[in-house]
C-alpha atoms as a PDB file:
ATOM      1  CA  MET A   1     -24.770  -9.060   8.296  1.00  0.00           C
ATOM      2  CA  ASN A   2     -27.484  -7.983  10.737  1.00  0.00           C
ATOM      3  CA  THR A   3     -26.902  -5.979  13.912  1.00  0.00           C
ATOM      4  CA  THR A   4     -26.733  -9.037  16.172  1.00  0.00           C
ATOM      5  CA  GLN A   5     -24.197 -10.724  13.918  1.00  0.00           C
ATOM      6  CA  SER A   6     -22.202  -7.498  13.726  1.00  0.00           C
ATOM      7  CA  HIS A   7     -22.064  -7.127  17.508  1.00  0.00           C
ATOM      8  CA  SER A   8     -21.184 -10.787  17.896  1.00  0.00           C
ATOM      9  CA  TYR A   9     -18.347 -10.426  15.372  1.00  0.00           C
ATOM     10  CA  MET A  10     -16.987  -7.314  17.124  1.00  0.00           C
ATOM     11  CA  PHE A  11     -17.091  -9.070  20.498  1.00  0.00           C
ATOM     12  CA  GLU A  12     -15.276 -12.120  19.123  1.00  0.00           C
ATOM     13  CA  MET A  13     -12.641  -9.947  17.448  1.00  0.00           C
ATOM     14  CA  THR A  14     -12.087  -7.951  20.631  1.00  0.00           C
ATOM     15  CA  LEU A  15     -11.746 -11.117  22.704  1.00  0.00           C
ATOM     16  CA  GLU A  16      -9.339 -12.708  20.226  1.00  0.00           C
ATOM     17  CA  ILE A  17      -7.173  -9.584  20.194  1.00  0.00           C
ATOM     18  CA  VAL A  18      -7.043  -9.232  23.989  1.00  0.00           C
ATOM     19  CA  LEU A  19      -6.215 -12.933  24.400  1.00  0.00           C
ATOM     20  CA  PHE A  20      -3.499 -12.687  21.749  1.00  0.00           C
ATOM     21  CA  ILE A  21      -1.899  -9.729  23.520  1.00  0.00           C
ATOM     22  CA  THR A  22      -2.306 -11.293  26.980  1.00  0.00           C
ATOM     23  CA  PHE A  23      -0.494 -14.525  26.205  1.00  0.00           C
ATOM     24  CA  ARG A  24       2.176 -13.056  23.944  1.00  0.00           C
ATOM     25  CA  THR A  25       5.636 -12.743  25.505  1.00  0.00           C
ATOM     26  CA  LYS A  26       6.521  -9.433  23.863  1.00  0.00           C
ATOM     27  CA  LYS A  27       4.908  -6.164  22.805  1.00  0.00           C
ATOM     28  CA  THR A  28       2.160  -6.391  20.238  1.00  0.00           C
ATOM     29  CA  TYR A  29       1.896  -4.014  17.313  1.00  0.00           C
ATOM     30  CA  VAL A  30      -0.938  -3.341  14.871  1.00  0.00           C
ATOM     31  CA  GLN A  31       0.855  -5.375  12.214  1.00  0.00           C
ATOM     32  CA  ASP A  32       1.100  -8.381  14.568  1.00  0.00           C
ATOM     33  CA  VAL A  33      -2.664  -8.333  15.049  1.00  0.00           C
ATOM     34  CA  LEU A  34      -3.217  -7.987  11.296  1.00  0.00           C
ATOM     35  CA  ASP A  35      -0.863 -10.885  10.565  1.00  0.00           C
ATOM     36  CA  ASP A  36      -1.911 -13.301  13.314  1.00  0.00           C
ATOM     37  CA  VAL A  37      -5.422 -12.500  14.532  1.00  0.00           C
ATOM     38  CA  VAL A  38      -7.726 -10.737  12.087  1.00  0.00           C
ATOM     39  CA  SER A  39      -8.140 -11.286   8.399  1.00  0.00           C
ATOM     40  CA  GLY A  40      -9.550  -8.783   5.985  1.00  0.00           C
ATOM     41  CA  ALA A  41      -9.381  -5.871   8.426  1.00  0.00           C
ATOM     42  CA  THR A  42      -7.520  -2.633   7.860  1.00  0.00           C
ATOM     43  CA  GLY A  43      -4.797  -1.247  10.075  1.00  0.00           C
ATOM     44  CA  ARG A  44      -7.145   1.545  11.105  1.00  0.00           C
ATOM     45  CA  THR A  45      -9.769  -0.973  12.253  1.00  0.00           C
ATOM     46  CA  VAL A  46      -7.183  -2.743  14.399  1.00  0.00           C
ATOM     47  CA  GLN A  47      -6.100   0.623  15.828  1.00  0.00           C
ATOM     48  CA  ARG A  48      -9.709   1.256  16.873  1.00  0.00           C
ATOM     49  CA  TYR A  49      -9.945  -2.103  18.630  1.00  0.00           C
ATOM     50  CA  LEU A  50      -6.652  -1.456  20.430  1.00  0.00           C
ATOM     51  CA  SER A  51      -7.702   2.051  21.406  1.00  0.00           C
ATOM     52  CA  SER A  52     -10.941   0.720  22.889  1.00  0.00           C
ATOM     53  CA  LEU A  53      -9.104  -1.981  24.830  1.00  0.00           C
ATOM     54  CA  GLU A  54      -6.667   0.611  26.143  1.00  0.00           C
ATOM     55  CA  LYS A  55      -9.479   2.940  27.253  1.00  0.00           C
ATOM     56  CA  LEU A  56     -11.125   0.013  29.050  1.00  0.00           C
ATOM     57  CA  GLY A  57      -7.882  -0.763  30.877  1.00  0.00           C
ATOM     58  CA  PHE A  58      -7.153  -4.163  29.320  1.00  0.00           C
ATOM     59  CA  ILE A  59      -3.963  -3.128  27.532  1.00  0.00           C
ATOM     60  CA  GLU A  60      -1.508  -0.260  27.761  1.00  0.00           C
ATOM     61  CA  GLY A  61       0.394   1.381  24.938  1.00  0.00           C
ATOM     62  CA  ASP A  62       4.002   2.494  25.147  1.00  0.00           C
ATOM     63  CA  GLY A  63       3.341   5.848  23.448  1.00  0.00           C
ATOM     64  CA  LYS A  64       6.012   5.264  20.802  1.00  0.00           C
ATOM     65  CA  CYS A  65       5.643   5.223  17.041  1.00  0.00           C
ATOM     66  CA  PRO A  66       4.718   2.607  16.072  1.00  0.00           C
ATOM     67  CA  GLN A  67       2.934   1.998  19.334  1.00  0.00           C
ATOM     68  CA  GLY A  68       3.403  -1.319  21.091  1.00  0.00           C
ATOM     69  CA  PHE A  69       0.872  -2.770  23.511  1.00  0.00           C
ATOM     70  CA  LEU A  70       1.124  -4.970  26.592  1.00  0.00           C
ATOM     71  CA  PRO A  71      -1.606  -6.453  28.776  1.00  0.00           C
ATOM     72  CA  THR A  72      -2.328  -4.763  32.097  1.00  0.00           C
ATOM     73  CA  GLU A  73      -2.081  -6.642  35.380  1.00  0.00           C
ATOM     74  CA  LYS A  74      -5.893  -6.656  35.485  1.00  0.00           C
ATOM     75  CA  THR A  75      -5.992  -8.497  32.169  1.00  0.00           C
ATOM     76  CA  LYS A  76      -3.324 -11.005  33.186  1.00  0.00           C
ATOM     77  CA  GLN A  77      -5.268 -11.817  36.342  1.00  0.00           C
ATOM     78  CA  LEU A  78      -8.584 -12.021  34.507  1.00  0.00           C
ATOM     79  CA  PHE A  79      -7.279 -14.564  32.009  1.00  0.00           C
ATOM     80  CA  GLY A  80      -4.875 -16.381  34.328  1.00  0.00           C
ATOM     81  CA  ALA A  81      -1.702 -15.269  32.587  1.00  0.00           C
ATOM     82  CA  ASN A  82       0.220 -14.562  35.812  1.00  0.00           C
ATOM     83  CA  PRO A  83       2.812 -17.231  36.652  1.00  0.00           C
END
């Protein structure tokens, strides 16, 4: 995989994860993302994606162990998830 393909894959994965969390009706955990969104990734890889999305303000973690994530209001508005 070349650099362009790698960046494209990372962007697609990030978008799929944020959309999954945004339109889910309950907290999302690393295992949920592993089971329903990504295939062939490790739990640590998913944690990195979630950490990046949290730092960017798209999701917020609950600080518990295991940590659950919800979309921020910004994300709901961006993707039209507000009722």
